[in-house]
C-alpha cells in the first residue's frame, strides 16, 4: 500500500472512531434523558423526556451506522476490498454491537 493510501486509511480510522464516540455519547444522553431525568422528577410529565431520549438513541445508532459505512467506502476507494481480513470483520462486529446497545437503550427507555 502506498504511503498516501496508508495515511488516508489511518485518517479514516480516526474519523470512524470519532463517529462511534459521538454515537455512543448520543446513546448515553438518550438513557439519561429518557430514563434518569424522568425518575428524578416527582409528579412531572414523563413523555417529553422519553421522546427526546428516543431521538438521541436513534441518532446515536445512525451515527454508528453511517461512520461504519463511510469507512467501508473509503477503504474501497483506496483499494482495500470489502471483507478484507480480520480488521474488516472486527469493525462490522463492533458496529453491530454498538447498534444492538442502542436498540437495548431504546427498549430500556420505553419499558418501565
PDB file of N, CA and C in Angstrom:
ATOM      1  N   UNK A   1       0.857  -1.173   0.000  1.00  0.00           N
ATOM      2  CA  UNK A   1       0.000   0.000   0.000  1.00  0.00           C
ATOM      3  C   UNK A   1       0.902   1.235   0.000  1.00  0.00           C
ATOM      4  N   UNK A   2       0.671   2.145  -0.946  1.00  0.00           N
ATOM      5  CA  UNK A   2       1.477   3.383  -0.973  1.00  0.00           C
ATOM      6  C   UNK A   2       1.278   4.201   0.302  1.00  0.00           C
ATOM      7  N   UNK A   3       2.267   5.034   0.579  1.00  0.00           N
ATOM      8  CA  UNK A   3       2.253   5.849   1.802  1.00  0.00           C
ATOM      9  C   UNK A   3       1.026   6.753   1.888  1.00  0.00           C
ATOM     10  N   UNK A   4       0.603   7.336   0.751  1.00  0.00           N
ATOM     11  CA  UNK A   4      -0.568   8.225   0.761  1.00  0.00           C
ATOM     12  C   UNK A   4      -1.826   7.448   1.146  1.00  0.00           C
ATOM     13  N   UNK A   5      -1.957   6.228   0.610  1.00  0.00           N
ATOM     14  CA  UNK A   5      -3.121   5.408   0.934  1.00  0.00           C
ATOM     15  C   UNK A   5      -3.104   4.994   2.399  1.00  0.00           C
ATOM     16  N   UNK A   6      -1.917   4.724   2.918  1.00  0.00           N
ATOM     17  CA  UNK A   6      -1.811   4.342   4.338  1.00  0.00           C
ATOM     18  C   UNK A   6      -2.242   5.508   5.228  1.00  0.00           C
ATOM     19  N   UNK A   7      -1.785   6.720   4.903  1.00  0.00           N
ATOM     20  CA  UNK A   7      -2.192   7.894   5.686  1.00  0.00           C
ATOM     21  C   UNK A   7      -3.695   8.118   5.582  1.00  0.00           C
ATOM     22  N   UNK A   8      -4.241   7.932   4.387  1.00  0.00           N
ATOM     23  CA  UNK A   8      -5.684   8.092   4.196  1.00  0.00           C
ATOM     24  C   UNK A   8      -6.444   7.060   5.009  1.00  0.00           C
ATOM     25  N   UNK A   9      -5.933   5.835   5.024  1.00  0.00           N
ATOM     26  CA  UNK A   9      -6.584   4.769   5.795  1.00  0.00           C
ATOM     27  C   UNK A   9      -6.561   5.075   7.293  1.00  0.00           C
ATOM     28  N   UNK A  10      -5.419   5.536   7.789  1.00  0.00           N
ATOM     29  CA  UNK A  10      -5.318   5.859   9.219  1.00  0.00           C
ATOM     30  C   UNK A  10      -6.211   7.044   9.582  1.00  0.00           C
ATOM     31  N   UNK A  11      -6.286   8.040   8.710  1.00  0.00           N
ATOM     32  CA  UNK A  11      -7.177   9.176   8.958  1.00  0.00           C
ATOM     33  C   UNK A  11      -8.632   8.712   8.967  1.00  0.00           C
ATOM     34  N   UNK A  12      -8.961   7.785   8.069  1.00  0.00           N
ATOM     35  CA  UNK A  12     -10.315   7.232   8.038  1.00  0.00           C
ATOM     36  C   UNK A  12     -10.656   6.487   9.316  1.00  0.00           C
ATOM     37  N   UNK A  13      -9.678   5.750   9.843  1.00  0.00           N
ATOM     38  CA  UNK A  13      -9.913   5.030  11.098  1.00  0.00           C
ATOM     39  C   UNK A  13     -10.152   5.998  12.252  1.00  0.00           C
ATOM     40  N   UNK A  14      -9.377   7.067  12.304  1.00  0.00           N
ATOM     41  CA  UNK A  14      -9.592   8.074  13.362  1.00  0.00           C
ATOM     42  C   UNK A  14     -10.971   8.716  13.233  1.00  0.00           C
ATOM     43  N   UNK A  15     -11.363   8.972  11.999  1.00  0.00           N
ATOM     44  CA  UNK A  15     -12.678   9.560  11.772  1.00  0.00           C
ATOM     45  C   UNK A  15     -13.782   8.586  12.165  1.00  0.00           C
ATOM     46  N   UNK A  16     -13.606   7.303  11.850  1.00  0.00           N
ATOM     47  CA  UNK A  16     -14.582   6.289  12.255  1.00  0.00           C
ATOM     48  C   UNK A  16     -14.748   6.287  13.772  1.00  0.00           C
ATOM     49  N   UNK A  17     -13.637   6.333  14.476  1.00  0.00           N
ATOM     50  CA  UNK A  17     -13.720   6.350  15.941  1.00  0.00           C
ATOM     51  C   UNK A  17     -14.438   7.594  16.445  1.00  0.00           C
ATOM     52  N   UNK A  18     -14.270   8.708  15.764  1.00  0.00           N
ATOM     53  CA  UNK A  18     -14.993   9.926  16.153  1.00  0.00           C
ATOM     54  C   UNK A  18     -16.496   9.756  15.932  1.00  0.00           C
ATOM     55  N   UNK A  19     -16.882   9.155  14.811  1.00  0.00           N
ATOM     56  CA  UNK A  19     -18.310   8.886  14.566  1.00  0.00           C
ATOM     57  C   UNK A  19     -18.865   7.978  15.661  1.00  0.00           C
ATOM     58  N   UNK A  20     -18.133   6.915  15.983  1.00  0.00           N
ATOM     59  CA  UNK A  20     -18.597   5.984  17.018  1.00  0.00           C
ATOM     60  C   UNK A  20     -18.674   6.669  18.376  1.00  0.00           C
ATOM     61  N   UNK A  21     -17.661   7.455  18.716  1.00  0.00           N
ATOM     62  CA  UNK A  21     -17.662   8.161  20.008  1.00  0.00           C
ATOM     63  C   UNK A  21     -18.873   9.067  20.127  1.00  0.00           C
ATOM     64  N   UNK A  22     -19.162   9.790  19.073  1.00  0.00           N
ATOM     65  CA  UNK A  22     -20.323  10.668  19.074  1.00  0.00           C
ATOM     66  C   UNK A  22     -21.611   9.857  19.178  1.00  0.00           C
ATOM     67  N   UNK A  23     -21.666   8.726  18.484  1.00  0.00           N
ATOM     68  CA  UNK A  23     -22.845   7.856  18.555  1.00  0.00           C
ATOM     69  C   UNK A  23     -23.078   7.330  19.961  1.00  0.00           C
ATOM     70  N   UNK A  24     -22.010   6.859  20.601  1.00  0.00           N
ATOM     71  CA  UNK A  24     -22.173   6.336  21.961  1.00  0.00           C
ATOM     72  C   UNK A  24     -22.501   7.448  22.961  1.00  0.00           C
ATOM     73  N   UNK A  25     -22.002   8.644  22.722  1.00  0.00           N
ATOM     74  CA  UNK A  25     -22.365   9.771  23.576  1.00  0.00           C
ATOM     75  C   UNK A  25     -23.849  10.085  23.430  1.00  0.00           C
ATOM     76  N   UNK A  26     -24.352  10.037  22.202  1.00  0.00           N
ATOM     77  CA  UNK A  26     -25.785  10.272  21.976  1.00  0.00           C
ATOM     78  C   UNK A  26     -26.620   9.189  22.657  1.00  0.00           C
ATOM     79  N   UNK A  27     -26.163   7.951  22.633  1.00  0.00           N
ATOM     80  CA  UNK A  27     -26.892   6.866  23.289  1.00  0.00           C
ATOM     81  C   UNK A  27     -26.877   7.063  24.805  1.00  0.00           C
ATOM     82  N   UNK A  28     -25.751   7.522  25.352  1.00  0.00           N
ATOM     83  CA  UNK A  28     -25.696   7.808  26.794  1.00  0.00           C
ATOM     84  C   UNK A  28     -26.643   8.952  27.151  1.00  0.00           C
ATOM     85  N   UNK A  29     -26.692   9.982  26.300  1.00  0.00           N
ATOM     86  CA  UNK A  29     -27.629  11.088  26.532  1.00  0.00           C
ATOM     87  C   UNK A  29     -29.068  10.579  26.456  1.00  0.00           C
ATOM     88  N   UNK A  30     -29.319   9.639  25.558  1.00  0.00           N
ATOM     89  CA  UNK A  30     -30.658   9.063  25.432  1.00  0.00           C
ATOM     90  C   UNK A  30     -31.083   8.392  26.729  1.00  0.00           C
ATOM     91  N   UNK A  31     -30.183   7.612  27.303  1.00  0.00           N
ATOM     92  CA  UNK A  31     -30.504   6.925  28.553  1.00  0.00           C
ATOM     93  C   UNK A  31     -30.737   7.926  29.682  1.00  0.00           C
ATOM     94  N   UNK A  32     -29.906   8.957  29.735  1.00  0.00           N
ATOM     95  CA  UNK A  32     -30.065   9.968  30.788  1.00  0.00           C
ATOM     96  C   UNK A  32     -31.391  10.709  30.637  1.00  0.00           C
ATOM     97  N   UNK A  33     -31.699  11.147  29.417  1.00  0.00           N
ATOM     98  CA  UNK A  33     -32.924  11.919  29.209  1.00  0.00           C
ATOM     99  C   UNK A  33     -34.180  11.062  29.271  1.00  0.00           C
ATOM    100  N   UNK A  34     -34.109   9.863  28.748  1.00  0.00           N
ATOM    101  CA  UNK A  34     -35.300   9.027  28.667  1.00  0.00           C
ATOM    102  C   UNK A  34     -35.607   8.232  29.913  1.00  0.00           C
ATOM    103  N   UNK A  35     -34.590   7.989  30.752  1.00  0.00           N
ATOM    104  CA  UNK A  35     -34.805   7.152  31.924  1.00  0.00           C
ATOM    105  C   UNK A  35     -34.474   7.851  33.241  1.00  0.00           C
ATOM    106  N   UNK A  36     -33.313   8.486  33.293  1.00  0.00           N
ATOM    107  CA  UNK A  36     -32.842   9.039  34.574  1.00  0.00           C
ATOM    108  C   UNK A  36     -33.596  10.315  34.933  1.00  0.00           C
ATOM    109  N   UNK A  37     -33.698  11.247  34.010  1.00  0.00           N
ATOM    110  CA  UNK A  37     -34.376  12.515  34.305  1.00  0.00           C
ATOM    111  C   UNK A  37     -35.820  12.287  34.736  1.00  0.00           C
ATOM    112  N   UNK A  38     -36.607  11.461  34.009  1.00  0.00           N
ATOM    113  CA  UNK A  38     -37.984  11.232  34.470  1.00  0.00           C
ATOM    114  C   UNK A  38     -38.054  10.583  35.859  1.00  0.00           C
ATOM    115  N   UNK A  39     -37.062   9.761  36.200  1.00  0.00           N
ATOM    116  CA  UNK A  39     -37.052   9.143  37.528  1.00  0.00           C
ATOM    117  C   UNK A  39     -36.784  10.179  38.624  1.00  0.00           C
ATOM    118  N   UNK A  40     -36.069  11.229  38.289  1.00  0.00           N
ATOM    119  CA  UNK A  40     -35.779  12.283  39.264  1.00  0.00           C
ATOM    120  C   UNK A  40     -36.937  13.266  39.440  1.00  0.00           C
ATOM    121  N   UNK A  41     -37.796  13.331  38.425  1.00  0.00           N
ATOM    122  CA  UNK A  41     -38.947  14.227  38.503  1.00  0.00           C
ATOM    123  C   UNK A  41     -40.067  13.553  39.291  1.00  0.00           C
ATOM    124  N   UNK A  42     -40.529  14.192  40.309  1.00  0.00           N
ATOM    125  CA  UNK A  42     -41.656  13.663  41.071  1.00  0.00           C
ATOM    126  C   UNK A  42     -42.904  14.395  40.603  1.00  0.00           C
ATOM    127  N   UNK A  43     -43.879  13.638  40.184  1.00  0.00           N
ATOM    128  CA  UNK A  43     -45.148  14.189  39.694  1.00  0.00           C
ATOM    129  C   UNK A  43     -44.967  15.059  38.457  1.00  0.00           C
ATOM    130  N   UNK A  44     -43.972  14.755  37.636  1.00  0.00           N
ATOM    131  CA  UNK A  44     -43.735  15.521  36.410  1.00  0.00           C
ATOM    132  C   UNK A  44     -44.209  14.752  35.196  1.00  0.00           C
ATOM    133  N   UNK A  45     -44.260  15.423  34.090  1.00  0.00           N
ATOM    134  CA  UNK A  45     -44.643  14.795  32.837  1.00  0.00           C
ATOM    135  C   UNK A  45     -43.442  14.045  32.284  1.00  0.00           C
ATOM    136  N   UNK A  46     -43.629  12.768  32.003  1.00  0.00           N
ATOM    137  CA  UNK A  46     -42.531  11.894  31.582  1.00  0.00           C
ATOM    138  C   UNK A  46     -42.338  11.886  30.072  1.00  0.00           C
ATOM    139  N   UNK A  47     -43.415  11.981  29.296  1.00  0.00           N
ATOM    140  CA  UNK A  47     -43.345  11.687  27.866  1.00  0.00           C
ATOM    141  C   UNK A  47     -42.412  12.584  27.057  1.00  0.00           C
ATOM    142  N   UNK A  48     -42.273  13.890  27.368  1.00  0.00           N
ATOM    143  CA  UNK A  48     -41.344  14.681  26.551  1.00  0.00           C
ATOM    144  C   UNK A  48     -39.892  14.198  26.655  1.00  0.00           C
ATOM    145  N   UNK A  49     -39.506  13.771  27.850  1.00  0.00           N
ATOM    146  CA  UNK A  49     -38.147  13.274  28.048  1.00  0.00           C
ATOM    147  C   UNK A  49     -37.949  11.946  27.329  1.00  0.00           C
ATOM    148  N   UNK A  50     -38.964  11.122  27.333  1.00  0.00           N
ATOM    149  CA  UNK A  50     -38.891   9.845  26.626  1.00  0.00           C
ATOM    150  C   UNK A  50     -38.739  10.082  25.129  1.00  0.00           C
ATOM    151  N   UNK A  51     -39.511  11.007  24.586  1.00  0.00           N
ATOM    152  CA  UNK A  51     -39.435  11.301  23.150  1.00  0.00           C
ATOM    153  C   UNK A  51     -38.048  11.825  22.779  1.00  0.00           C
ATOM    154  N   UNK A  52     -37.528  12.757  23.543  1.00  0.00           N
ATOM    155  CA  UNK A  52     -36.194  13.298  23.252  1.00  0.00           C
ATOM    156  C   UNK A  52     -35.130  12.210  23.442  1.00  0.00           C
ATOM    157  N   UNK A  53     -35.276  11.405  24.479  1.00  0.00           N
ATOM    158  CA  UNK A  53     -34.341  10.302  24.698  1.00  0.00           C
ATOM    159  C   UNK A  53     -34.345   9.314  23.542  1.00  0.00           C
ATOM    160  N   UNK A  54     -35.518   8.983  23.042  1.00  0.00           N
ATOM    161  CA  UNK A  54     -35.608   8.082  21.887  1.00  0.00           C
ATOM    162  C   UNK A  54     -34.959   8.712  20.663  1.00  0.00           C
ATOM    163  N   UNK A  55     -35.145  10.016  20.499  1.00  0.00           N
ATOM    164  CA  UNK A  55     -34.500  10.709  19.384  1.00  0.00           C
ATOM    165  C   UNK A  55     -32.981  10.603  19.452  1.00  0.00           C
ATOM    166  N   UNK A  56     -32.419  10.809  20.643  1.00  0.00           N
ATOM    167  CA  UNK A  56     -30.977  10.679  20.807  1.00  0.00           C
ATOM    168  C   UNK A  56     -30.520   9.244  20.538  1.00  0.00           C
ATOM    169  N   UNK A  57     -31.292   8.259  20.964  1.00  0.00           N
ATOM    170  CA  UNK A  57     -30.913   6.862  20.735  1.00  0.00           C
ATOM    171  C   UNK A  57     -30.880   6.540  19.243  1.00  0.00           C
ATOM    172  N   UNK A  58     -31.907   6.954  18.518  1.00  0.00           N
ATOM    173  CA  UNK A  58     -31.920   6.719  17.068  1.00  0.00           C
ATOM    174  C   UNK A  58     -30.780   7.480  16.383  1.00  0.00           C
ATOM    175  N   UNK A  59     -30.528   8.680  16.844  1.00  0.00           N
ATOM    176  CA  UNK A  59     -29.428   9.476  16.296  1.00  0.00           C
ATOM    177  C   UNK A  59     -28.089   8.769  16.519  1.00  0.00           C
ATOM    178  N   UNK A  60     -27.875   8.247  17.709  1.00  0.00           N
ATOM    179  CA  UNK A  60     -26.639   7.520  18.011  1.00  0.00           C
ATOM    180  C   UNK A  60     -26.466   6.294  17.141  1.00  0.00           C
ATOM    181  N   UNK A  61     -27.551   5.548  16.948  1.00  0.00           N
ATOM    182  CA  UNK A  61     -27.497   4.363  16.081  1.00  0.00           C
ATOM    183  C   UNK A  61     -27.148   4.784  14.654  1.00  0.00           C
ATOM    184  N   UNK A  62     -27.757   5.852  14.182  1.00  0.00           N
ATOM    185  CA  UNK A  62     -27.478   6.334  12.823  1.00  0.00           C
ATOM    186  C   UNK A  62     -26.020   6.762  12.675  1.00  0.00           C
ATOM    187  N   UNK A  63     -25.460   7.414  13.682  1.00  0.00           N
ATOM    188  CA  UNK A  63     -24.061   7.832  13.620  1.00  0.00           C
ATOM    189  C   UNK A  63     -23.119   6.639  13.542  1.00  0.00           C
ATOM    190  N   UNK A  64     -23.378   5.622  14.325  1.00  0.00           N
ATOM    191  CA  UNK A  64     -22.544   4.421  14.293  1.00  0.00           C
ATOM    192  C   UNK A  64     -22.638   3.751  12.920  1.00  0.00           C
ATOM    193  N   UNK A  65     -23.856   3.632  12.409  1.00  0.00           N
ATOM    194  CA  UNK A  65     -24.045   3.004  11.103  1.00  0.00           C
ATOM    195  C   UNK A  65     -23.412   3.803   9.977  1.00  0.00           C
ATOM    196  N   UNK A  66     -23.604   5.127   9.987  1.00  0.00           N
ATOM    197  CA  UNK A  66     -23.055   5.968   8.928  1.00  0.00           C
ATOM    198  C   UNK A  66     -21.526   5.960   8.954  1.00  0.00           C
ATOM    199  N   UNK A  67     -20.951   6.068  10.142  1.00  0.00           N
ATOM    200  CA  UNK A  67     -19.495   6.055  10.252  1.00  0.00           C
ATOM    201  C   UNK A  67     -18.898   4.762   9.730  1.00  0.00           C
ATOM    202  N   UNK A  68     -19.561   3.654  10.006  1.00  0.00           N
ATOM    203  CA  UNK A  68     -19.083   2.359   9.531  1.00  0.00           C
ATOM    204  C   UNK A  68     -19.198   2.261   8.015  1.00  0.00           C
ATOM    205  N   UNK A  69     -20.316   2.724   7.480  1.00  0.00           N
ATOM    206  CA  UNK A  69     -20.478   2.717   6.017  1.00  0.00           C
ATOM    207  C   UNK A  69     -19.442   3.603   5.339  1.00  0.00           C
ATOM    208  N   UNK A  70     -19.161   4.716   5.957  1.00  0.00           N
ATOM    209  CA  UNK A  70     -18.202   5.673   5.396  1.00  0.00           C
ATOM    210  C   UNK A  70     -16.803   5.071   5.306  1.00  0.00           C
ATOM    211  N   UNK A  71     -16.354   4.380   6.363  1.00  0.00           N
ATOM    212  CA  UNK A  71     -15.004   3.798   6.332  1.00  0.00           C
ATOM    213  C   UNK A  71     -14.930   2.675   5.305  1.00  0.00           C
ATOM    214  N   UNK A  72     -16.015   1.937   5.133  1.00  0.00           N
ATOM    215  CA  UNK A  72     -16.010   0.873   4.121  1.00  0.00           C
ATOM    216  C   UNK A  72     -15.893   1.468   2.715  1.00  0.00           C
ATOM    217  N   UNK A  73     -16.589   2.579   2.467  1.00  0.00           N
ATOM    218  CA  UNK A  73     -16.479   3.251   1.164  1.00  0.00           C
ATOM    219  C   UNK A  73     -15.073   3.806   0.953  1.00  0.00           C
ATOM    220  N   UNK A  74     -14.501   4.405   1.982  1.00  0.00           N
ATOM    221  CA  UNK A  74     -13.149   4.942   1.888  1.00  0.00           C
ATOM    222  C   UNK A  74     -12.155   3.830   1.573  1.00  0.00           C
ATOM    223  N   UNK A  75     -12.276   2.719   2.263  1.00  0.00           N
ATOM    224  CA  UNK A  75     -11.380   1.593   2.015  1.00  0.00           C
ATOM    225  C   UNK A  75     -11.511   1.082   0.585  1.00  0.00           C
ATOM    226  N   UNK A  76     -12.722   1.055   0.061  1.00  0.00           N
ATOM    227  CA  UNK A  76     -12.931   0.617  -1.320  1.00  0.00           C
ATOM    228  C   UNK A  76     -12.282   1.596  -2.298  1.00  0.00           C
ATOM    229  N   UNK A  77     -12.358   2.879  -1.997  1.00  0.00           N
ATOM    230  CA  UNK A  77     -11.770   3.897  -2.877  1.00  0.00           C
ATOM    231  C   UNK A  77     -10.250   3.800  -2.954  1.00  0.00           C
ATOM    232  N   UNK A  78      -9.616   3.412  -1.839  1.00  0.00           N
ATOM    233  CA  UNK A  78      -8.149   3.333  -1.861  1.00  0.00           C
ATOM    234  C   UNK A  78      -7.671   1.916  -2.161  1.00  0.00           C
ATOM    235  N   UNK A  79      -8.612   1.029  -2.484  1.00  0.00           N
ATOM    236  CA  UNK A  79      -8.214  -0.294  -2.953  1.00  0.00           C
ATOM    237  C   UNK A  79      -8.210  -1.398  -1.923  1.00  0.00           C
ATOM    238  N   UNK A  80      -8.787  -1.163  -0.772  1.00  0.00           N
ATOM    239  CA  UNK A  80      -8.928  -2.231   0.213  1.00  0.00           C
ATOM    240  C   UNK A  80     -10.309  -2.829   0.007  1.00  0.00           C
ATOM    241  N   UNK A  81     -10.406  -4.050  -0.531  1.00  0.00           N
ATOM    242  CA  UNK A  81     -11.733  -4.606  -0.840  1.00  0.00           C
ATOM    243  C   UNK A  81     -12.540  -4.898   0.422  1.00  0.00           C
ATOM    244  N   UNK A  82     -13.877  -4.834   0.271  1.00  0.00           N
ATOM    245  CA  UNK A  82     -14.755  -5.163   1.403  1.00  0.00           C
ATOM    246  C   UNK A  82     -14.513  -6.610   1.814  1.00  0.00           C
ATOM    247  N   UNK A  83     -14.628  -6.866   3.092  1.00  0.00           N
ATOM    248  CA  UNK A  83     -14.448  -8.219   3.593  1.00  0.00           C
ATOM    249  C   UNK A  83     -12.998  -8.640   3.638  1.00  0.00           C
ATOM    250  N   UNK A  84     -12.072  -7.685   3.559  1.00  0.00           N
ATOM    251  CA  UNK A  84     -10.654  -7.997   3.503  1.00  0.00           C
ATOM    252  C   UNK A  84     -10.084  -8.137   4.913  1.00  0.00           C
ATOM    253  N   UNK A  85     -10.031  -9.347   5.404  1.00  0.00           N
ATOM    254  CA  UNK A  85      -9.314  -9.626   6.635  1.00  0.00           C
ATOM    255  C   UNK A  85     -10.094  -9.465   7.920  1.00  0.00           C
ATOM    256  N   UNK A  86      -9.354  -9.719   8.983  1.00  0.00           N
ATOM    257  CA  UNK A  86      -9.922  -9.704  10.328  1.00  0.00           C
ATOM    258  C   UNK A  86     -10.359  -8.309  10.767  1.00  0.00           C
ATOM    259  N   UNK A  87      -9.640  -7.295  10.344  1.00  0.00           N
ATOM    260  CA  UNK A  87      -9.971  -5.922  10.761  1.00  0.00           C
ATOM    261  C   UNK A  87     -11.353  -5.525  10.260  1.00  0.00           C
ATOM    262  N   UNK A  88     -11.673  -5.899   9.024  1.00  0.00           N
ATOM    263  CA  UNK A  88     -12.991  -5.579   8.457  1.00  0.00           C
ATOM    264  C   UNK A  88     -14.100  -6.286   9.239  1.00  0.00           C
ATOM    265  N   UNK A  89     -13.892  -7.553   9.541  1.00  0.00           N
ATOM    266  CA  UNK A  89     -14.897  -8.299  10.315  1.00  0.00           C
ATOM    267  C   UNK A  89     -15.038  -7.721  11.717  1.00  0.00           C
ATOM    268  N   UNK A  90     -13.913  -7.375  12.334  1.00  0.00           N
ATOM    269  CA  UNK A  90     -13.967  -6.799  13.686  1.00  0.00           C
ATOM    270  C   UNK A  90     -14.717  -5.477  13.679  1.00  0.00           C
ATOM    271  N   UNK A  91     -14.489  -4.663  12.657  1.00  0.00           N
ATOM    272  CA  UNK A  91     -15.196  -3.383  12.545  1.00  0.00           C
ATOM    273  C   UNK A  91     -16.695  -3.603  12.448  1.00  0.00           C
ATOM    274  N   UNK A  92     -17.097  -4.556  11.616  1.00  0.00           N
ATOM    275  CA  UNK A  92     -18.529  -4.834  11.461  1.00  0.00           C
ATOM    276  C   UNK A  92     -19.138  -5.404  12.738  1.00  0.00           C
ATOM    277  N   UNK A  93     -18.403  -6.261  13.432  1.00  0.00           N
ATOM    278  CA  UNK A  93     -18.908  -6.822  14.690  1.00  0.00           C
ATOM    279  C   UNK A  93     -19.063  -5.725  15.733  1.00  0.00           C
ATOM    280  N   UNK A  94     -18.061  -4.869  15.856  1.00  0.00           N
ATOM    281  CA  UNK A  94     -18.144  -3.782  16.835  1.00  0.00           C
ATOM    282  C   UNK A  94     -19.274  -2.815  16.506  1.00  0.00           C
ATOM    283  N   UNK A  95     -19.450  -2.515  15.229  1.00  0.00           N
ATOM    284  CA  UNK A  95     -20.566  -1.652  14.832  1.00  0.00           C
ATOM    285  C   UNK A  95     -21.895  -2.321  15.164  1.00  0.00           C
ATOM    286  N   UNK A  96     -21.990  -3.622  14.927  1.00  0.00           N
ATOM    287  CA  UNK A  96     -23.210  -4.361  15.251  1.00  0.00           C
ATOM    288  C   UNK A  96     -23.506  -4.347  16.739  1.00  0.00           C
ATOM    289  N   UNK A  97     -22.471  -4.485  17.538  1.00  0.00           N
ATOM    290  CA  UNK A  97     -22.651  -4.425  18.998  1.00  0.00           C
ATOM    291  C   UNK A  97     -23.120  -3.030  19.409  1.00  0.00           C
ATOM    292  N   UNK A  98     -22.552  -1.990  18.807  1.00  0.00           N
ATOM    293  CA  UNK A  98     -22.981  -0.622  19.103  1.00  0.00           C
ATOM    294  C   UNK A  98     -24.441  -0.399  18.766  1.00  0.00           C
ATOM    295  N   UNK A  99     -24.865  -0.892  17.610  1.00  0.00           N
ATOM    296  CA  UNK A  99     -26.272  -0.770  17.212  1.00  0.00           C
ATOM    297  C   UNK A  99     -27.161  -1.558  18.169  1.00  0.00           C
ATOM    298  N   UNK A 100     -26.720  -2.750  18.546  1.00  0.00           N
ATOM    299  CA  UNK A 100     -27.504  -3.563  19.489  1.00  0.00           C
ATOM    300  C   UNK A 100     -27.638  -2.859  20.838  1.00  0.00           C
ATOM    301  N   UNK A 101     -26.577  -2.218  21.292  1.00  0.00           N
ATOM    302  CA  UNK A 101     -26.657  -1.471  22.554  1.00  0.00           C
ATOM    303  C   UNK A 101     -27.607  -0.282  22.428  1.00  0.00           C
ATOM    304  N   UNK A 102     -27.599   0.358  21.269  1.00  0.00           N
ATOM    305  CA  UNK A 102     -28.544   1.452  21.037  1.00  0.00           C
ATOM    306  C   UNK A 102     -29.992   0.961  21.074  1.00  0.00           C
ATOM    307  N   UNK A 103     -30.232  -0.180  20.466  1.00  0.00           N
ATOM    308  CA  UNK A 103     -31.581  -0.757  20.489  1.00  0.00           C
ATOM    309  C   UNK A 103     -31.973  -1.150  21.904  1.00  0.00           C
ATOM    310  N   UNK A 104     -31.021  -1.721  22.657  1.00  0.00           N
ATOM    311  CA  UNK A 104     -31.297  -2.068  24.057  1.00  0.00           C
ATOM    312  C   UNK A 104     -31.625  -0.815  24.864  1.00  0.00           C
ATOM    313  N   UNK A 105     -30.967   0.282  24.569  1.00  0.00           N
ATOM    314  CA  UNK A 105     -31.265   1.551  25.247  1.00  0.00           C
ATOM    315  C   UNK A 105     -32.677   2.014  24.932  1.00  0.00           C
ATOM    316  N   UNK A 106     -33.080   1.858  23.677  1.00  0.00           N
ATOM    317  CA  UNK A 106     -34.452   2.215  23.298  1.00  0.00           C
ATOM    318  C   UNK A 106     -35.454   1.387  24.095  1.00  0.00           C
ATOM    319  N   UNK A 107     -35.178   0.101  24.223  1.00  0.00           N
ATOM    320  CA  UNK A 107     -36.066  -0.782  24.990  1.00  0.00           C
ATOM    321  C   UNK A 107     -36.108  -0.345  26.453  1.00  0.00           C
ATOM    322  N   UNK A 108     -34.938  -0.011  27.026  1.00  0.00           N
ATOM    323  CA  UNK A 108     -34.901   0.434  28.424  1.00  0.00           C
ATOM    324  C   UNK A 108     -35.688   1.722  28.634  1.00  0.00           C
ATOM    325  N   UNK A 109     -35.652   2.597  27.656  1.00  0.00           N
ATOM    326  CA  UNK A 109     -36.385   3.866  27.773  1.00  0.00           C
ATOM    327  C   UNK A 109     -37.886   3.624  27.707  1.00  0.00           C
ATOM    328  N   UNK A 110     -38.298   2.757  26.810  1.00  0.00           N
ATOM    329  CA  UNK A 110     -39.739   2.528  26.600  1.00  0.00           C
ATOM    330  C   UNK A 110     -40.359   1.699  27.717  1.00  0.00           C
ATOM    331  N   UNK A 111     -39.684   0.641  28.108  1.00  0.00           N
ATOM    332  CA  UNK A 111     -40.234  -0.275  29.123  1.00  0.00           C
ATOM    333  C   UNK A 111     -40.019   0.321  30.511  1.00  0.00           C
ATOM    334  N   UNK A 112     -41.070   0.354  31.284  1.00  0.00           N
ATOM    335  CA  UNK A 112     -40.948   0.919  32.640  1.00  0.00           C
ATOM    336  C   UNK A 112     -40.605  -0.133  33.630  1.00  0.00           C
TER     337      UNK A 112
END
